[in-house]
């Protein structure tokens, strides 16, 4: 989601969007199988941001990504 929102690379958008959709489906499937995980996911969501931030910053050093998570867990449930 960081790449899609902050990296200006229109030829890659479709692939990134497909990956986002697939991961949302997987997360929602896991949550439907174990609904008790939802509160945990929401409690750690913003703390987990540092891992993808580190990776995407390394891969796209010329892009300025926000240091704090710009997303909320609601983004996982959007279509």
C-alpha atoms as a PDB file:
ATOM      1  CA  UNK A   1       0.000   0.000   0.000  1.00  0.00           C
ATOM      2  CA  UNK A   2       2.923   2.305   0.648  1.00  0.00           C
ATOM      3  CA  UNK A   3       4.302   1.745  -2.826  1.00  0.00           C
ATOM      4  CA  UNK A   4       0.906   2.272  -4.428  1.00  0.00           C
ATOM      5  CA  UNK A   5       0.288   5.511  -2.576  1.00  0.00           C
ATOM      6  CA  UNK A   6       3.765   7.071  -2.542  1.00  0.00           C
ATOM      7  CA  UNK A   7       5.786   5.657  -5.447  1.00  0.00           C
ATOM      8  CA  UNK A   8       5.146   7.283  -8.808  1.00  0.00           C
ATOM      9  CA  UNK A   9       5.356   4.246 -11.087  1.00  0.00           C
ATOM     10  CA  UNK A  10       2.095   3.951 -12.978  1.00  0.00           C
ATOM     11  CA  UNK A  11       3.131   0.814 -14.945  1.00  0.00           C
ATOM     12  CA  UNK A  12       3.389  -1.032 -11.599  1.00  0.00           C
ATOM     13  CA  UNK A  13       0.053   0.121 -10.148  1.00  0.00           C
ATOM     14  CA  UNK A  14      -2.032  -2.787 -11.453  1.00  0.00           C
ATOM     15  CA  UNK A  15       0.318  -5.393  -9.987  1.00  0.00           C
ATOM     16  CA  UNK A  16       0.470  -3.601  -6.662  1.00  0.00           C
ATOM     17  CA  UNK A  17      -3.314  -3.290  -6.567  1.00  0.00           C
ATOM     18  CA  UNK A  18      -3.673  -7.018  -7.302  1.00  0.00           C
ATOM     19  CA  UNK A  19      -1.314  -7.806  -4.432  1.00  0.00           C
ATOM     20  CA  UNK A  20      -3.220  -5.473  -2.087  1.00  0.00           C
ATOM     21  CA  UNK A  21      -6.520  -7.146  -3.014  1.00  0.00           C
ATOM     22  CA  UNK A  22      -5.076 -10.628  -2.510  1.00  0.00           C
ATOM     23  CA  UNK A  23      -3.619  -9.762   0.881  1.00  0.00           C
ATOM     24  CA  UNK A  24      -6.874  -8.161   2.016  1.00  0.00           C
ATOM     25  CA  UNK A  25      -8.718 -11.336   1.043  1.00  0.00           C
ATOM     26  CA  UNK A  26      -6.224 -13.469   2.980  1.00  0.00           C
ATOM     27  CA  UNK A  27      -6.466 -11.275   6.086  1.00  0.00           C
ATOM     28  CA  UNK A  28     -10.256 -11.261   5.970  1.00  0.00           C
ATOM     29  CA  UNK A  29     -10.325 -15.042   5.542  1.00  0.00           C
ATOM     30  CA  UNK A  30      -8.091 -15.471   8.593  1.00  0.00           C
ATOM     31  CA  UNK A  31     -10.263 -13.093  10.585  1.00  0.00           C
ATOM     32  CA  UNK A  32     -13.428 -14.941   9.594  1.00  0.00           C
ATOM     33  CA  UNK A  33     -11.828 -18.203  10.747  1.00  0.00           C
ATOM     34  CA  UNK A  34     -10.564 -16.649  14.002  1.00  0.00           C
ATOM     35  CA  UNK A  35     -12.617 -13.549  14.838  1.00  0.00           C
ATOM     36  CA  UNK A  36     -10.817 -13.207  18.163  1.00  0.00           C
ATOM     37  CA  UNK A  37      -7.744 -12.036  16.210  1.00  0.00           C
ATOM     38  CA  UNK A  38      -9.421  -8.826  15.076  1.00  0.00           C
ATOM     39  CA  UNK A  39      -8.897  -6.884  18.329  1.00  0.00           C
ATOM     40  CA  UNK A  40      -5.284  -8.028  18.400  1.00  0.00           C
ATOM     41  CA  UNK A  41      -4.723  -6.975  14.787  1.00  0.00           C
ATOM     42  CA  UNK A  42      -6.185  -3.557  15.491  1.00  0.00           C
ATOM     43  CA  UNK A  43      -4.024  -3.141  18.598  1.00  0.00           C
ATOM     44  CA  UNK A  44      -0.743  -3.913  16.777  1.00  0.00           C
ATOM     45  CA  UNK A  45      -1.593  -2.483  13.361  1.00  0.00           C
ATOM     46  CA  UNK A  46       0.279   0.815  13.595  1.00  0.00           C
ATOM     47  CA  UNK A  47       3.206  -0.748  15.490  1.00  0.00           C
ATOM     48  CA  UNK A  48       3.787  -3.160  12.610  1.00  0.00           C
ATOM     49  CA  UNK A  49       4.353  -0.264  10.219  1.00  0.00           C
ATOM     50  CA  UNK A  50       8.086  -0.057  10.894  1.00  0.00           C
ATOM     51  CA  UNK A  51       8.774  -3.352   9.088  1.00  0.00           C
ATOM     52  CA  UNK A  52       7.313  -2.504   5.670  1.00  0.00           C
ATOM     53  CA  UNK A  53       8.577   1.073   6.039  1.00  0.00           C
ATOM     54  CA  UNK A  54      12.142  -0.185   6.411  1.00  0.00           C
ATOM     55  CA  UNK A  55      11.851  -2.466   3.390  1.00  0.00           C
ATOM     56  CA  UNK A  56      10.150   0.001   1.058  1.00  0.00           C
ATOM     57  CA  UNK A  57      12.510   2.800   2.092  1.00  0.00           C
ATOM     58  CA  UNK A  58      15.458   0.616   1.190  1.00  0.00           C
ATOM     59  CA  UNK A  59      13.953  -0.266  -2.200  1.00  0.00           C
ATOM     60  CA  UNK A  60      12.892   3.304  -3.017  1.00  0.00           C
ATOM     61  CA  UNK A  61      15.481   5.588  -1.382  1.00  0.00           C
ATOM     62  CA  UNK A  62      14.434   8.655  -3.388  1.00  0.00           C
ATOM     63  CA  UNK A  63      10.851   8.504  -2.084  1.00  0.00           C
ATOM     64  CA  UNK A  64       9.937  10.224   1.159  1.00  0.00           C
ATOM     65  CA  UNK A  65       7.637   7.918   3.111  1.00  0.00           C
ATOM     66  CA  UNK A  66       5.843   9.032   6.282  1.00  0.00           C
ATOM     67  CA  UNK A  67       7.562   7.913   9.466  1.00  0.00           C
ATOM     68  CA  UNK A  68       4.218   7.287  11.160  1.00  0.00           C
ATOM     69  CA  UNK A  69       1.651   4.931   9.751  1.00  0.00           C
ATOM     70  CA  UNK A  70      -0.683   6.866   7.427  1.00  0.00           C
ATOM     71  CA  UNK A  71      -3.270   4.069   7.449  1.00  0.00           C
ATOM     72  CA  UNK A  72      -5.774   2.695   9.926  1.00  0.00           C
ATOM     73  CA  UNK A  73      -6.816  -0.926  10.184  1.00  0.00           C
ATOM     74  CA  UNK A  74     -10.039   0.000   8.349  1.00  0.00           C
ATOM     75  CA  UNK A  75      -8.027  -0.039   5.153  1.00  0.00           C
ATOM     76  CA  UNK A  76      -7.892  -3.834   5.400  1.00  0.00           C
ATOM     77  CA  UNK A  77     -11.628  -4.096   4.895  1.00  0.00           C
ATOM     78  CA  UNK A  78     -12.006  -1.812   1.880  1.00  0.00           C
ATOM     79  CA  UNK A  79     -12.601  -3.067  -1.628  1.00  0.00           C
END
